[in-house]
Amino acid sequence: MKVEIYSDIACPWCYIGERRFEKAVAQFAGRDDVDVVFRPFQLDPGAPEAGMPISQYLERRFGGSIADKLQHVTDTAAGEGIAIDWDSAIAANTRTAHRLLGFAEREYGVEMQHRLVDALFAAHFSQGVNVADVDALADVAGAVGIDRAKAHAYLTSDQGVPELTAALGEAAELGVSSVPTFVFEGLYAVSGAQPTATFVQVLEEVDKRSRVPAE
């Protein structure tokens, strides 16, 4: 079963949703046959390249105090074993991070891409890393087993730019307008950070449908 997860490193609900889905796959009887691929989506293509404190960025973007909303996200994330540090988090453009995720998939496979996306989420939300910084991204890549020098060389070139542009266009053509969005077998889509139990039900239903002989 192929599952494509459209997400953005800057999206806390993507982090939460990915963690819940990961737990659902672990509970699913056919877990060994689930092939998960992460696809790019940008919540804010105009986010700063240089980065800025995330609380400042969110207040500018949405206006007013966001403390209550951030606390709700923090509490929900904690329930999934995720620690979010808003005080150190840096808002930054995720385009380069998405290029790195594409590189990981193409050069190392989906399992490495999965390890990298987890590391990037943690870097962004828990470790105060600027995920638009090439050196920082290369460090994260190296920490999960990707050749750091190759990753750095890739990110400092224009490699992967056409592929990323095409992938973002495909997301738009599919009608993906919010993330996370989970697409099963290219046919069924589920949006949002659904409860783990819901994801288990979806996996079982898609598996059941895939086993029904075509008429």
N, C-alpha and C. Protein backbone atom coordinates (compact mmCIF):
# COMPACT_ATOMS: atom_id res chain seq x y z
N MET A 1 0.85 -1.19 0.00
CA MET A 1 0.00 0.00 0.00
C MET A 1 0.89 1.25 0.00
N LYS A 2 0.68 2.09 -0.97
CA LYS A 2 1.46 3.32 -1.04
C LYS A 2 0.69 4.45 -0.37
N VAL A 3 1.37 5.15 0.54
CA VAL A 3 0.77 6.28 1.23
C VAL A 3 1.68 7.50 1.00
N GLU A 4 1.11 8.53 0.41
CA GLU A 4 1.85 9.77 0.19
C GLU A 4 1.36 10.81 1.19
N ILE A 5 2.28 11.34 1.98
CA ILE A 5 1.92 12.32 3.01
C ILE A 5 2.39 13.69 2.54
N TYR A 6 1.43 14.55 2.26
CA TYR A 6 1.74 15.93 1.90
C TYR A 6 1.86 16.73 3.20
N SER A 7 3.03 17.32 3.41
CA SER A 7 3.26 18.00 4.67
C SER A 7 4.30 19.10 4.50
N ASP A 8 4.44 19.89 5.55
CA ASP A 8 5.43 20.96 5.57
C ASP A 8 6.16 20.92 6.91
N ILE A 9 7.46 21.06 6.88
CA ILE A 9 8.26 21.03 8.10
C ILE A 9 7.82 22.10 9.08
N ALA A 10 7.26 23.19 8.57
CA ALA A 10 6.85 24.30 9.43
C ALA A 10 5.47 24.09 10.05
N CYS A 11 4.85 22.96 9.79
CA CYS A 11 3.48 22.70 10.25
C CYS A 11 3.48 21.77 11.46
N PRO A 12 3.13 22.29 12.65
CA PRO A 12 3.13 21.41 13.83
C PRO A 12 2.11 20.29 13.74
N TRP A 13 0.98 20.55 13.07
CA TRP A 13 -0.02 19.50 12.94
C TRP A 13 0.45 18.39 12.00
N CYS A 14 1.36 18.73 11.09
CA CYS A 14 1.98 17.69 10.25
C CYS A 14 2.86 16.78 11.11
N TYR A 15 3.60 17.40 12.02
CA TYR A 15 4.45 16.64 12.95
C TYR A 15 3.58 15.72 13.80
N ILE A 16 2.52 16.26 14.35
CA ILE A 16 1.61 15.47 15.18
C ILE A 16 0.92 14.38 14.36
N GLY A 17 0.44 14.75 13.17
CA GLY A 17 -0.23 13.78 12.32
C GLY A 17 0.68 12.66 11.88
N GLU A 18 1.93 13.02 11.55
CA GLU A 18 2.89 11.99 11.13
C GLU A 18 3.17 11.02 12.27
N ARG A 19 3.28 11.54 13.48
CA ARG A 19 3.53 10.68 14.64
C ARG A 19 2.35 9.75 14.90
N ARG A 20 1.13 10.28 14.78
CA ARG A 20 -0.05 9.44 14.97
C ARG A 20 -0.16 8.38 13.89
N PHE A 21 0.15 8.77 12.66
CA PHE A 21 0.08 7.81 11.56
C PHE A 21 1.13 6.71 11.74
N GLU A 22 2.30 7.10 12.19
CA GLU A 22 3.36 6.13 12.45
C GLU A 22 2.90 5.09 13.47
N LYS A 23 2.21 5.54 14.50
CA LYS A 23 1.68 4.62 15.51
C LYS A 23 0.60 3.72 14.91
N ALA A 24 -0.20 4.29 14.01
CA ALA A 24 -1.26 3.50 13.38
C ALA A 24 -0.66 2.39 12.51
N VAL A 25 0.37 2.72 11.77
CA VAL A 25 1.03 1.71 10.93
C VAL A 25 1.57 0.57 11.79
N ALA A 26 2.13 0.93 12.95
CA ALA A 26 2.67 -0.09 13.85
C ALA A 26 1.59 -1.04 14.35
N GLN A 27 0.35 -0.56 14.42
CA GLN A 27 -0.77 -1.38 14.89
C GLN A 27 -1.46 -2.14 13.75
N PHE A 28 -1.15 -1.80 12.53
CA PHE A 28 -1.81 -2.36 11.36
C PHE A 28 -1.19 -3.71 11.00
N ALA A 29 -2.03 -4.70 10.78
CA ALA A 29 -1.54 -6.06 10.51
C ALA A 29 -0.67 -6.11 9.26
N GLY A 30 -0.99 -5.28 8.28
CA GLY A 30 -0.22 -5.29 7.04
C GLY A 30 0.89 -4.26 7.01
N ARG A 31 1.43 -3.94 8.19
CA ARG A 31 2.42 -2.87 8.30
C ARG A 31 3.63 -3.05 7.38
N ASP A 32 4.03 -4.28 7.14
CA ASP A 32 5.22 -4.52 6.33
C ASP A 32 5.03 -4.16 4.86
N ASP A 33 3.78 -4.01 4.45
CA ASP A 33 3.48 -3.70 3.05
C ASP A 33 3.13 -2.22 2.84
N VAL A 34 3.26 -1.40 3.89
CA VAL A 34 2.95 0.02 3.78
C VAL A 34 4.20 0.78 3.38
N ASP A 35 4.11 1.48 2.26
CA ASP A 35 5.23 2.25 1.72
C ASP A 35 4.88 3.73 1.83
N VAL A 36 5.54 4.44 2.74
CA VAL A 36 5.21 5.83 3.01
C VAL A 36 6.22 6.76 2.34
N VAL A 37 5.70 7.74 1.59
CA VAL A 37 6.54 8.74 0.92
C VAL A 37 6.04 10.13 1.31
N PHE A 38 6.95 11.01 1.63
CA PHE A 38 6.58 12.38 1.98
C PHE A 38 6.65 13.28 0.74
N ARG A 39 5.60 14.04 0.56
CA ARG A 39 5.50 14.96 -0.57
C ARG A 39 5.48 16.41 -0.07
N PRO A 40 6.02 17.33 -0.85
CA PRO A 40 6.14 18.71 -0.37
C PRO A 40 4.88 19.55 -0.50
N PHE A 41 4.75 20.44 0.46
CA PHE A 41 3.71 21.47 0.45
C PHE A 41 4.25 22.62 1.29
N GLN A 42 4.00 23.85 0.86
CA GLN A 42 4.45 25.00 1.63
C GLN A 42 3.26 25.80 2.14
N LEU A 43 3.16 25.90 3.44
CA LEU A 43 2.10 26.71 4.04
C LEU A 43 2.29 28.18 3.71
N ASP A 44 3.54 28.62 3.67
CA ASP A 44 3.84 30.01 3.37
C ASP A 44 5.08 30.10 2.50
N PRO A 45 4.89 30.08 1.18
CA PRO A 45 6.04 30.18 0.27
C PRO A 45 6.83 31.47 0.46
N GLY A 46 6.21 32.47 1.07
CA GLY A 46 6.88 33.75 1.29
C GLY A 46 7.55 33.87 2.64
N ALA A 47 7.67 32.78 3.38
CA ALA A 47 8.33 32.81 4.69
C ALA A 47 9.78 33.26 4.52
N PRO A 48 10.34 33.92 5.53
CA PRO A 48 11.68 34.49 5.41
C PRO A 48 12.78 33.44 5.24
N GLU A 49 13.70 33.70 4.33
CA GLU A 49 14.85 32.83 4.13
C GLU A 49 15.81 32.93 5.31
N ALA A 50 15.97 34.14 5.84
CA ALA A 50 16.92 34.36 6.93
C ALA A 50 16.42 33.81 8.25
N GLY A 51 15.12 33.69 8.39
CA GLY A 51 14.56 33.19 9.62
C GLY A 51 14.31 34.29 10.63
N MET A 52 13.32 34.05 11.51
CA MET A 52 13.00 34.99 12.58
C MET A 52 12.28 34.22 13.68
N PRO A 53 12.25 34.76 14.92
CA PRO A 53 11.54 34.05 15.99
C PRO A 53 10.12 33.69 15.57
N ILE A 54 9.73 32.46 15.81
CA ILE A 54 8.46 31.99 15.27
C ILE A 54 7.27 32.71 15.89
N SER A 55 7.35 33.08 17.16
CA SER A 55 6.23 33.78 17.77
C SER A 55 6.03 35.14 17.12
N GLN A 56 7.14 35.82 16.81
CA GLN A 56 7.06 37.11 16.13
C GLN A 56 6.48 36.96 14.73
N TYR A 57 6.92 35.93 14.04
CA TYR A 57 6.43 35.67 12.69
C TYR A 57 4.93 35.38 12.69
N LEU A 58 4.47 34.55 13.61
CA LEU A 58 3.06 34.19 13.65
C LEU A 58 2.18 35.37 14.03
N GLU A 59 2.66 36.20 14.95
CA GLU A 59 1.88 37.37 15.32
C GLU A 59 1.75 38.35 14.16
N ARG A 60 2.83 38.48 13.38
CA ARG A 60 2.78 39.35 12.20
C ARG A 60 1.84 38.78 11.15
N ARG A 61 1.86 37.48 11.00
CA ARG A 61 1.07 36.86 9.93
C ARG A 61 -0.41 36.81 10.27
N PHE A 62 -0.73 36.48 11.53
CA PHE A 62 -2.12 36.28 11.89
C PHE A 62 -2.70 37.40 12.75
N GLY A 63 -1.84 38.22 13.33
CA GLY A 63 -2.31 39.34 14.11
C GLY A 63 -2.71 38.95 15.53
N GLY A 64 -2.43 39.83 16.48
CA GLY A 64 -2.84 39.58 17.85
C GLY A 64 -2.03 38.52 18.56
N SER A 65 -2.42 38.26 19.79
CA SER A 65 -1.73 37.27 20.60
C SER A 65 -2.08 35.86 20.13
N ILE A 66 -1.08 35.00 20.10
CA ILE A 66 -1.29 33.62 19.66
C ILE A 66 -0.94 32.64 20.78
N ALA A 67 -0.74 33.16 21.99
CA ALA A 67 -0.28 32.33 23.10
C ALA A 67 -1.19 31.13 23.36
N ASP A 68 -2.50 31.36 23.34
CA ASP A 68 -3.45 30.27 23.62
C ASP A 68 -3.38 29.19 22.55
N LYS A 69 -3.26 29.62 21.29
CA LYS A 69 -3.19 28.65 20.20
C LYS A 69 -1.90 27.83 20.30
N LEU A 70 -0.81 28.49 20.61
CA LEU A 70 0.46 27.77 20.74
C LEU A 70 0.42 26.78 21.89
N GLN A 71 -0.23 27.16 22.98
CA GLN A 71 -0.32 26.26 24.13
C GLN A 71 -1.15 25.03 23.78
N HIS A 72 -2.21 25.23 23.00
CA HIS A 72 -3.04 24.08 22.58
C HIS A 72 -2.21 23.11 21.74
N VAL A 73 -1.41 23.65 20.83
CA VAL A 73 -0.55 22.79 20.01
C VAL A 73 0.47 22.08 20.89
N THR A 74 1.07 22.82 21.81
CA THR A 74 2.07 22.24 22.71
C THR A 74 1.49 21.08 23.50
N ASP A 75 0.30 21.27 24.04
CA ASP A 75 -0.34 20.22 24.85
C ASP A 75 -0.68 19.00 24.00
N THR A 76 -1.20 19.25 22.79
CA THR A 76 -1.55 18.13 21.90
C THR A 76 -0.30 17.36 21.49
N ALA A 77 0.76 18.09 21.16
CA ALA A 77 2.01 17.45 20.76
C ALA A 77 2.59 16.62 21.90
N ALA A 78 2.51 17.16 23.12
CA ALA A 78 3.05 16.43 24.27
C ALA A 78 2.34 15.09 24.45
N GLY A 79 1.06 15.05 24.11
CA GLY A 79 0.31 13.81 24.19
C GLY A 79 0.81 12.75 23.23
N GLU A 80 1.56 13.18 22.22
CA GLU A 80 2.13 12.24 21.24
C GLU A 80 3.64 12.05 21.46
N GLY A 81 4.13 12.57 22.59
CA GLY A 81 5.55 12.41 22.88
C GLY A 81 6.45 13.40 22.18
N ILE A 82 5.88 14.52 21.75
CA ILE A 82 6.63 15.55 21.02
C ILE A 82 6.80 16.77 21.91
N ALA A 83 8.03 17.23 22.06
CA ALA A 83 8.31 18.43 22.85
C ALA A 83 8.53 19.61 21.90
N ILE A 84 7.71 20.64 22.04
CA ILE A 84 7.85 21.83 21.20
C ILE A 84 8.37 22.99 22.05
N ASP A 85 9.39 23.64 21.55
CA ASP A 85 10.00 24.78 22.24
C ASP A 85 9.77 26.03 21.40
N TRP A 86 8.66 26.71 21.63
CA TRP A 86 8.32 27.88 20.84
C TRP A 86 9.31 29.02 21.06
N ASP A 87 9.92 29.07 22.23
CA ASP A 87 10.83 30.17 22.53
C ASP A 87 12.09 30.14 21.66
N SER A 88 12.50 28.96 21.25
CA SER A 88 13.71 28.85 20.43
C SER A 88 13.42 28.59 18.96
N ALA A 89 12.18 28.23 18.64
CA ALA A 89 11.84 27.89 17.25
C ALA A 89 11.99 29.09 16.32
N ILE A 90 12.49 28.80 15.12
CA ILE A 90 12.75 29.84 14.12
C ILE A 90 11.86 29.62 12.91
N ALA A 91 11.09 30.64 12.55
CA ALA A 91 10.28 30.57 11.33
C ALA A 91 11.20 30.82 10.14
N ALA A 92 11.13 29.95 9.16
CA ALA A 92 11.99 30.08 7.99
C ALA A 92 11.34 29.41 6.79
N ASN A 93 11.76 29.80 5.61
CA ASN A 93 11.24 29.20 4.39
C ASN A 93 11.66 27.73 4.32
N THR A 94 10.74 26.86 3.97
CA THR A 94 11.02 25.41 3.98
C THR A 94 11.37 24.84 2.60
N ARG A 95 11.51 25.70 1.62
CA ARG A 95 11.75 25.21 0.26
C ARG A 95 13.03 24.37 0.18
N THR A 96 14.10 24.84 0.80
CA THR A 96 15.36 24.10 0.74
C THR A 96 15.27 22.79 1.50
N ALA A 97 14.55 22.79 2.61
CA ALA A 97 14.34 21.55 3.36
C ALA A 97 13.58 20.53 2.52
N HIS A 98 12.61 20.98 1.76
CA HIS A 98 11.87 20.06 0.88
C HIS A 98 12.77 19.50 -0.21
N ARG A 99 13.69 20.33 -0.71
CA ARG A 99 14.65 19.81 -1.70
C ARG A 99 15.49 18.70 -1.08
N LEU A 100 15.88 18.89 0.18
CA LEU A 100 16.69 17.86 0.85
C LEU A 100 15.89 16.57 1.03
N LEU A 101 14.62 16.68 1.34
CA LEU A 101 13.78 15.49 1.48
C LEU A 101 13.64 14.75 0.15
N GLY A 102 13.54 15.51 -0.94
CA GLY A 102 13.50 14.89 -2.25
C GLY A 102 14.80 14.17 -2.57
N PHE A 103 15.90 14.79 -2.23
CA PHE A 103 17.23 14.19 -2.42
C PHE A 103 17.33 12.89 -1.63
N ALA A 104 16.87 12.91 -0.39
CA ALA A 104 16.95 11.71 0.45
C ALA A 104 16.16 10.55 -0.15
N GLU A 105 14.97 10.85 -0.66
CA GLU A 105 14.16 9.79 -1.26
C GLU A 105 14.83 9.22 -2.50
N ARG A 106 15.29 10.11 -3.38
CA ARG A 106 15.86 9.64 -4.65
C ARG A 106 17.18 8.90 -4.47
N GLU A 107 18.02 9.38 -3.55
CA GLU A 107 19.36 8.82 -3.40
C GLU A 107 19.46 7.70 -2.36
N TYR A 108 18.58 7.70 -1.38
CA TYR A 108 18.70 6.77 -0.26
C TYR A 108 17.46 5.93 -0.01
N GLY A 109 16.31 6.33 -0.56
CA GLY A 109 15.10 5.56 -0.37
C GLY A 109 14.16 6.15 0.67
N VAL A 110 12.95 5.58 0.74
CA VAL A 110 11.90 6.16 1.58
C VAL A 110 12.17 6.02 3.07
N GLU A 111 12.86 4.96 3.47
CA GLU A 111 13.14 4.80 4.90
C GLU A 111 14.07 5.91 5.39
N MET A 112 15.08 6.25 4.60
CA MET A 112 15.96 7.36 4.96
C MET A 112 15.20 8.68 4.94
N GLN A 113 14.32 8.83 3.96
CA GLN A 113 13.52 10.06 3.91
C GLN A 113 12.68 10.19 5.19
N HIS A 114 12.14 9.08 5.65
CA HIS A 114 11.33 9.09 6.86
C HIS A 114 12.17 9.51 8.06
N ARG A 115 13.37 8.96 8.18
CA ARG A 115 14.25 9.36 9.29
C ARG A 115 14.58 10.84 9.21
N LEU A 116 14.79 11.31 8.00
CA LEU A 116 15.15 12.71 7.82
C LEU A 116 13.98 13.63 8.17
N VAL A 117 12.78 13.28 7.77
CA VAL A 117 11.64 14.17 8.07
C VAL A 117 11.41 14.24 9.58
N ASP A 118 11.59 13.13 10.27
CA ASP A 118 11.47 13.16 11.73
C ASP A 118 12.53 14.08 12.34
N ALA A 119 13.74 13.98 11.82
CA ALA A 119 14.84 14.80 12.34
C ALA A 119 14.62 16.28 12.03
N LEU A 120 14.05 16.58 10.87
CA LEU A 120 13.79 17.97 10.51
C LEU A 120 12.68 18.57 11.37
N PHE A 121 11.64 17.79 11.63
CA PHE A 121 10.58 18.26 12.52
C PHE A 121 11.17 18.59 13.91
N ALA A 122 11.97 17.67 14.43
CA ALA A 122 12.57 17.89 15.74
C ALA A 122 13.50 19.10 15.73
N ALA A 123 14.28 19.23 14.66
CA ALA A 123 15.20 20.36 14.55
C ALA A 123 14.43 21.68 14.57
N HIS A 124 13.33 21.72 13.84
CA HIS A 124 12.56 22.95 13.73
C HIS A 124 11.80 23.28 15.00
N PHE A 125 11.09 22.30 15.55
CA PHE A 125 10.19 22.58 16.66
C PHE A 125 10.80 22.39 18.04
N SER A 126 11.87 21.64 18.15
CA SER A 126 12.42 21.35 19.48
C SER A 126 13.84 21.86 19.69
N GLN A 127 14.58 22.09 18.61
CA GLN A 127 16.00 22.39 18.75
C GLN A 127 16.41 23.78 18.27
N GLY A 128 15.46 24.57 17.81
CA GLY A 128 15.77 25.93 17.40
C GLY A 128 16.64 26.03 16.16
N VAL A 129 16.55 25.06 15.27
CA VAL A 129 17.36 25.06 14.05
C VAL A 129 16.65 25.84 12.94
N ASN A 130 17.39 26.65 12.21
CA ASN A 130 16.86 27.35 11.05
C ASN A 130 16.87 26.38 9.88
N VAL A 131 15.70 25.88 9.49
CA VAL A 131 15.63 24.86 8.44
C VAL A 131 15.74 25.44 7.03
N ALA A 132 16.09 26.73 6.94
CA ALA A 132 16.41 27.31 5.64
C ALA A 132 17.92 27.43 5.45
N ASP A 133 18.68 27.16 6.51
CA ASP A 133 20.13 27.29 6.48
C ASP A 133 20.77 26.02 5.92
N VAL A 134 21.55 26.17 4.88
CA VAL A 134 22.13 25.01 4.20
C VAL A 134 23.07 24.23 5.10
N ASP A 135 23.90 24.92 5.86
CA ASP A 135 24.83 24.23 6.75
C ASP A 135 24.07 23.43 7.81
N ALA A 136 23.04 24.04 8.37
CA ALA A 136 22.25 23.35 9.39
C ALA A 136 21.53 22.13 8.80
N LEU A 137 21.00 22.28 7.60
CA LEU A 137 20.32 21.16 6.95
C LEU A 137 21.30 20.02 6.65
N ALA A 138 22.50 20.37 6.22
CA ALA A 138 23.51 19.34 5.96
C ALA A 138 23.88 18.61 7.25
N ASP A 139 23.92 19.34 8.36
CA ASP A 139 24.20 18.71 9.65
C ASP A 139 23.11 17.72 10.03
N VAL A 140 21.85 18.10 9.84
CA VAL A 140 20.74 17.21 10.14
C VAL A 140 20.81 15.98 9.25
N ALA A 141 21.10 16.18 7.97
CA ALA A 141 21.22 15.06 7.04
C ALA A 141 22.33 14.11 7.48
N GLY A 142 23.46 14.66 7.84
CA GLY A 142 24.58 13.82 8.27
C GLY A 142 24.25 13.03 9.52
N ALA A 143 23.47 13.62 10.42
CA ALA A 143 23.13 12.96 11.67
C ALA A 143 22.26 11.73 11.48
N VAL A 144 21.50 11.68 10.37
CA VAL A 144 20.63 10.51 10.14
C VAL A 144 21.26 9.49 9.19
N GLY A 145 22.50 9.77 8.74
CA GLY A 145 23.19 8.79 7.91
C GLY A 145 23.38 9.16 6.46
N ILE A 146 22.98 10.36 6.07
CA ILE A 146 23.22 10.83 4.71
C ILE A 146 24.61 11.45 4.65
N ASP A 147 25.30 11.25 3.55
CA ASP A 147 26.62 11.85 3.38
C ASP A 147 26.49 13.37 3.45
N ARG A 148 27.08 13.97 4.50
CA ARG A 148 26.90 15.40 4.71
C ARG A 148 27.46 16.23 3.57
N ALA A 149 28.62 15.86 3.08
CA ALA A 149 29.26 16.63 2.01
C ALA A 149 28.41 16.60 0.75
N LYS A 150 27.85 15.44 0.42
CA LYS A 150 27.00 15.33 -0.77
C LYS A 150 25.73 16.15 -0.60
N ALA A 151 25.16 16.09 0.60
CA ALA A 151 23.94 16.86 0.86
C ALA A 151 24.23 18.35 0.76
N HIS A 152 25.34 18.78 1.29
CA HIS A 152 25.70 20.20 1.25
C HIS A 152 25.92 20.65 -0.18
N ALA A 153 26.63 19.84 -0.96
CA ALA A 153 26.89 20.19 -2.35
C ALA A 153 25.59 20.28 -3.14
N TYR A 154 24.70 19.36 -2.86
CA TYR A 154 23.39 19.35 -3.53
C TYR A 154 22.62 20.62 -3.22
N LEU A 155 22.58 20.99 -1.95
CA LEU A 155 21.78 22.14 -1.53
C LEU A 155 22.37 23.47 -1.99
N THR A 156 23.68 23.52 -2.18
CA THR A 156 24.30 24.77 -2.64
C THR A 156 24.26 24.90 -4.16
N SER A 157 23.76 23.86 -4.83
CA SER A 157 23.57 23.91 -6.28
C SER A 157 22.10 24.21 -6.56
N ASP A 158 21.73 24.13 -7.83
CA ASP A 158 20.31 24.30 -8.18
C ASP A 158 19.66 22.95 -8.46
N GLN A 159 20.33 21.87 -8.06
CA GLN A 159 19.76 20.54 -8.27
C GLN A 159 18.48 20.38 -7.44
N GLY A 160 17.55 19.69 -8.03
CA GLY A 160 16.30 19.42 -7.33
C GLY A 160 15.27 20.52 -7.40
N VAL A 161 15.66 21.68 -7.93
CA VAL A 161 14.71 22.78 -8.01
C VAL A 161 13.56 22.47 -8.97
N PRO A 162 13.85 21.99 -10.19
CA PRO A 162 12.74 21.65 -11.10
C PRO A 162 11.83 20.57 -10.54
N GLU A 163 12.44 19.58 -9.88
CA GLU A 163 11.65 18.49 -9.31
C GLU A 163 10.73 19.00 -8.20
N LEU A 164 11.25 19.91 -7.37
CA LEU A 164 10.43 20.45 -6.30
C LEU A 164 9.29 21.30 -6.87
N THR A 165 9.60 22.11 -7.85
CA THR A 165 8.57 22.94 -8.47
C THR A 165 7.47 22.07 -9.06
N ALA A 166 7.86 20.99 -9.72
CA ALA A 166 6.89 20.07 -10.30
C ALA A 166 6.05 19.40 -9.22
N ALA A 167 6.69 18.98 -8.13
CA ALA A 167 5.98 18.30 -7.05
C ALA A 167 4.98 19.23 -6.36
N LEU A 168 5.36 20.48 -6.17
CA LEU A 168 4.43 21.44 -5.57
C LEU A 168 3.25 21.69 -6.51
N GLY A 169 3.53 21.69 -7.81
CA GLY A 169 2.47 21.84 -8.79
C GLY A 169 1.52 20.66 -8.79
N GLU A 170 2.06 19.46 -8.62
CA GLU A 170 1.22 18.26 -8.57
C GLU A 170 0.30 18.29 -7.35
N ALA A 171 0.82 18.79 -6.24
CA ALA A 171 -0.01 18.90 -5.04
C ALA A 171 -1.19 19.83 -5.30
N ALA A 172 -0.92 20.94 -5.99
CA ALA A 172 -1.99 21.89 -6.31
C ALA A 172 -3.01 21.26 -7.25
N GLU A 173 -2.53 20.51 -8.23
CA GLU A 173 -3.42 19.87 -9.18
C GLU A 173 -4.31 18.83 -8.50
N LEU A 174 -3.78 18.17 -7.48
CA LEU A 174 -4.56 17.18 -6.73
C LEU A 174 -5.59 17.83 -5.81
N GLY A 175 -5.45 19.14 -5.62
CA GLY A 175 -6.38 19.84 -4.76
C GLY A 175 -5.96 19.88 -3.31
N VAL A 176 -4.69 19.58 -3.05
CA VAL A 176 -4.20 19.65 -1.67
C VAL A 176 -4.11 21.12 -1.28
N SER A 177 -4.90 21.51 -0.30
CA SER A 177 -4.93 22.92 0.12
C SER A 177 -4.60 23.09 1.59
N SER A 178 -4.50 21.99 2.31
CA SER A 178 -4.12 22.04 3.72
C SER A 178 -3.32 20.79 4.04
N VAL A 179 -2.52 20.89 5.08
CA VAL A 179 -1.70 19.75 5.46
C VAL A 179 -1.78 19.52 6.96
N PRO A 180 -1.58 18.24 7.36
CA PRO A 180 -1.19 17.12 6.52
C PRO A 180 -2.36 16.55 5.72
N THR A 181 -2.05 16.04 4.54
CA THR A 181 -3.01 15.29 3.74
C THR A 181 -2.38 13.95 3.40
N PHE A 182 -3.10 12.88 3.67
CA PHE A 182 -2.62 11.52 3.45
C PHE A 182 -3.36 10.94 2.25
N VAL A 183 -2.64 10.55 1.23
CA VAL A 183 -3.25 9.98 0.03
C VAL A 183 -2.87 8.50 -0.04
N PHE A 184 -3.90 7.65 -0.04
CA PHE A 184 -3.71 6.21 -0.03
C PHE A 184 -3.92 5.64 -1.43
N GLU A 185 -2.92 4.97 -1.94
CA GLU A 185 -3.00 4.31 -3.24
C GLU A 185 -3.39 5.28 -4.35
N GLY A 186 -3.12 6.55 -4.16
CA GLY A 186 -3.45 7.54 -5.17
C GLY A 186 -4.95 7.74 -5.37
N LEU A 187 -5.77 7.16 -4.48
CA LEU A 187 -7.22 7.18 -4.66
C LEU A 187 -8.00 7.80 -3.51
N TYR A 188 -7.52 7.59 -2.29
CA TYR A 188 -8.27 8.02 -1.12
C TYR A 188 -7.45 9.03 -0.33
N ALA A 189 -8.06 10.14 0.03
CA ALA A 189 -7.35 11.19 0.76
C ALA A 189 -7.99 11.43 2.12
N VAL A 190 -7.15 11.61 3.11
CA VAL A 190 -7.59 11.96 4.46
C VAL A 190 -6.78 13.17 4.90
N SER A 191 -7.46 14.20 5.34
CA SER A 191 -6.79 15.43 5.75
C SER A 191 -6.80 15.59 7.26
N GLY A 192 -5.76 16.21 7.76
CA GLY A 192 -5.69 16.55 9.17
C GLY A 192 -4.95 15.52 10.01
N ALA A 193 -4.58 15.95 11.21
CA ALA A 193 -3.88 15.08 12.16
C ALA A 193 -4.91 14.22 12.89
N GLN A 194 -5.44 13.25 12.19
CA GLN A 194 -6.50 12.40 12.74
C GLN A 194 -5.99 11.56 13.91
N PRO A 195 -6.88 11.13 14.79
CA PRO A 195 -6.46 10.23 15.87
C PRO A 195 -5.87 8.94 15.30
N THR A 196 -4.98 8.34 16.07
CA THR A 196 -4.35 7.10 15.62
C THR A 196 -5.38 6.04 15.24
N ALA A 197 -6.44 5.92 16.04
CA ALA A 197 -7.47 4.91 15.77
C ALA A 197 -8.14 5.13 14.42
N THR A 198 -8.31 6.39 14.05
CA THR A 198 -8.91 6.70 12.75
C THR A 198 -7.99 6.25 11.62
N PHE A 199 -6.70 6.52 11.78
CA PHE A 199 -5.75 6.09 10.76
C PHE A 199 -5.71 4.57 10.62
N VAL A 200 -5.83 3.87 11.73
CA VAL A 200 -5.87 2.41 11.68
C VAL A 200 -7.07 1.95 10.87
N GLN A 201 -8.22 2.56 11.12
CA GLN A 201 -9.44 2.22 10.39
C GLN A 201 -9.28 2.48 8.89
N VAL A 202 -8.64 3.60 8.55
CA VAL A 202 -8.44 3.93 7.14
C VAL A 202 -7.52 2.90 6.49
N LEU A 203 -6.43 2.56 7.16
CA LEU A 203 -5.50 1.56 6.61
C LEU A 203 -6.22 0.23 6.36
N GLU A 204 -7.06 -0.17 7.31
CA GLU A 204 -7.78 -1.44 7.16
C GLU A 204 -8.79 -1.38 6.03
N GLU A 205 -9.46 -0.23 5.89
CA GLU A 205 -10.47 -0.09 4.84
C GLU A 205 -9.81 -0.06 3.46
N VAL A 206 -8.73 0.67 3.32
CA VAL A 206 -8.04 0.72 2.03
C VAL A 206 -7.50 -0.66 1.67
N ASP A 207 -6.96 -1.35 2.66
CA ASP A 207 -6.45 -2.70 2.43
C ASP A 207 -7.57 -3.63 1.98
N LYS A 208 -8.72 -3.49 2.62
CA LYS A 208 -9.88 -4.32 2.27
C LYS A 208 -10.33 -4.04 0.84
N ARG A 209 -10.40 -2.76 0.47
CA ARG A 209 -10.84 -2.41 -0.88
C ARG A 209 -9.86 -2.89 -1.94
N SER A 210 -8.58 -2.86 -1.60
CA SER A 210 -7.56 -3.27 -2.57
C SER A 210 -7.61 -4.76 -2.86
N ARG A 211 -8.23 -5.49 -1.96
CA ARG A 211 -8.31 -6.95 -2.12
C ARG A 211 -9.57 -7.40 -2.84
N VAL A 212 -10.50 -6.46 -3.09
CA VAL A 212 -11.73 -6.81 -3.80
C VAL A 212 -11.43 -6.94 -5.29
N PRO A 213 -11.71 -8.11 -5.89
CA PRO A 213 -11.43 -8.31 -7.32
C PRO A 213 -12.21 -7.33 -8.19
N ALA A 214 -11.56 -6.82 -9.22
CA ALA A 214 -12.23 -5.92 -10.15
C ALA A 214 -13.24 -6.71 -10.98
N GLU A 215 -14.38 -6.10 -11.22
CA GLU A 215 -15.42 -6.78 -12.02
C GLU A 215 -15.10 -6.74 -13.51
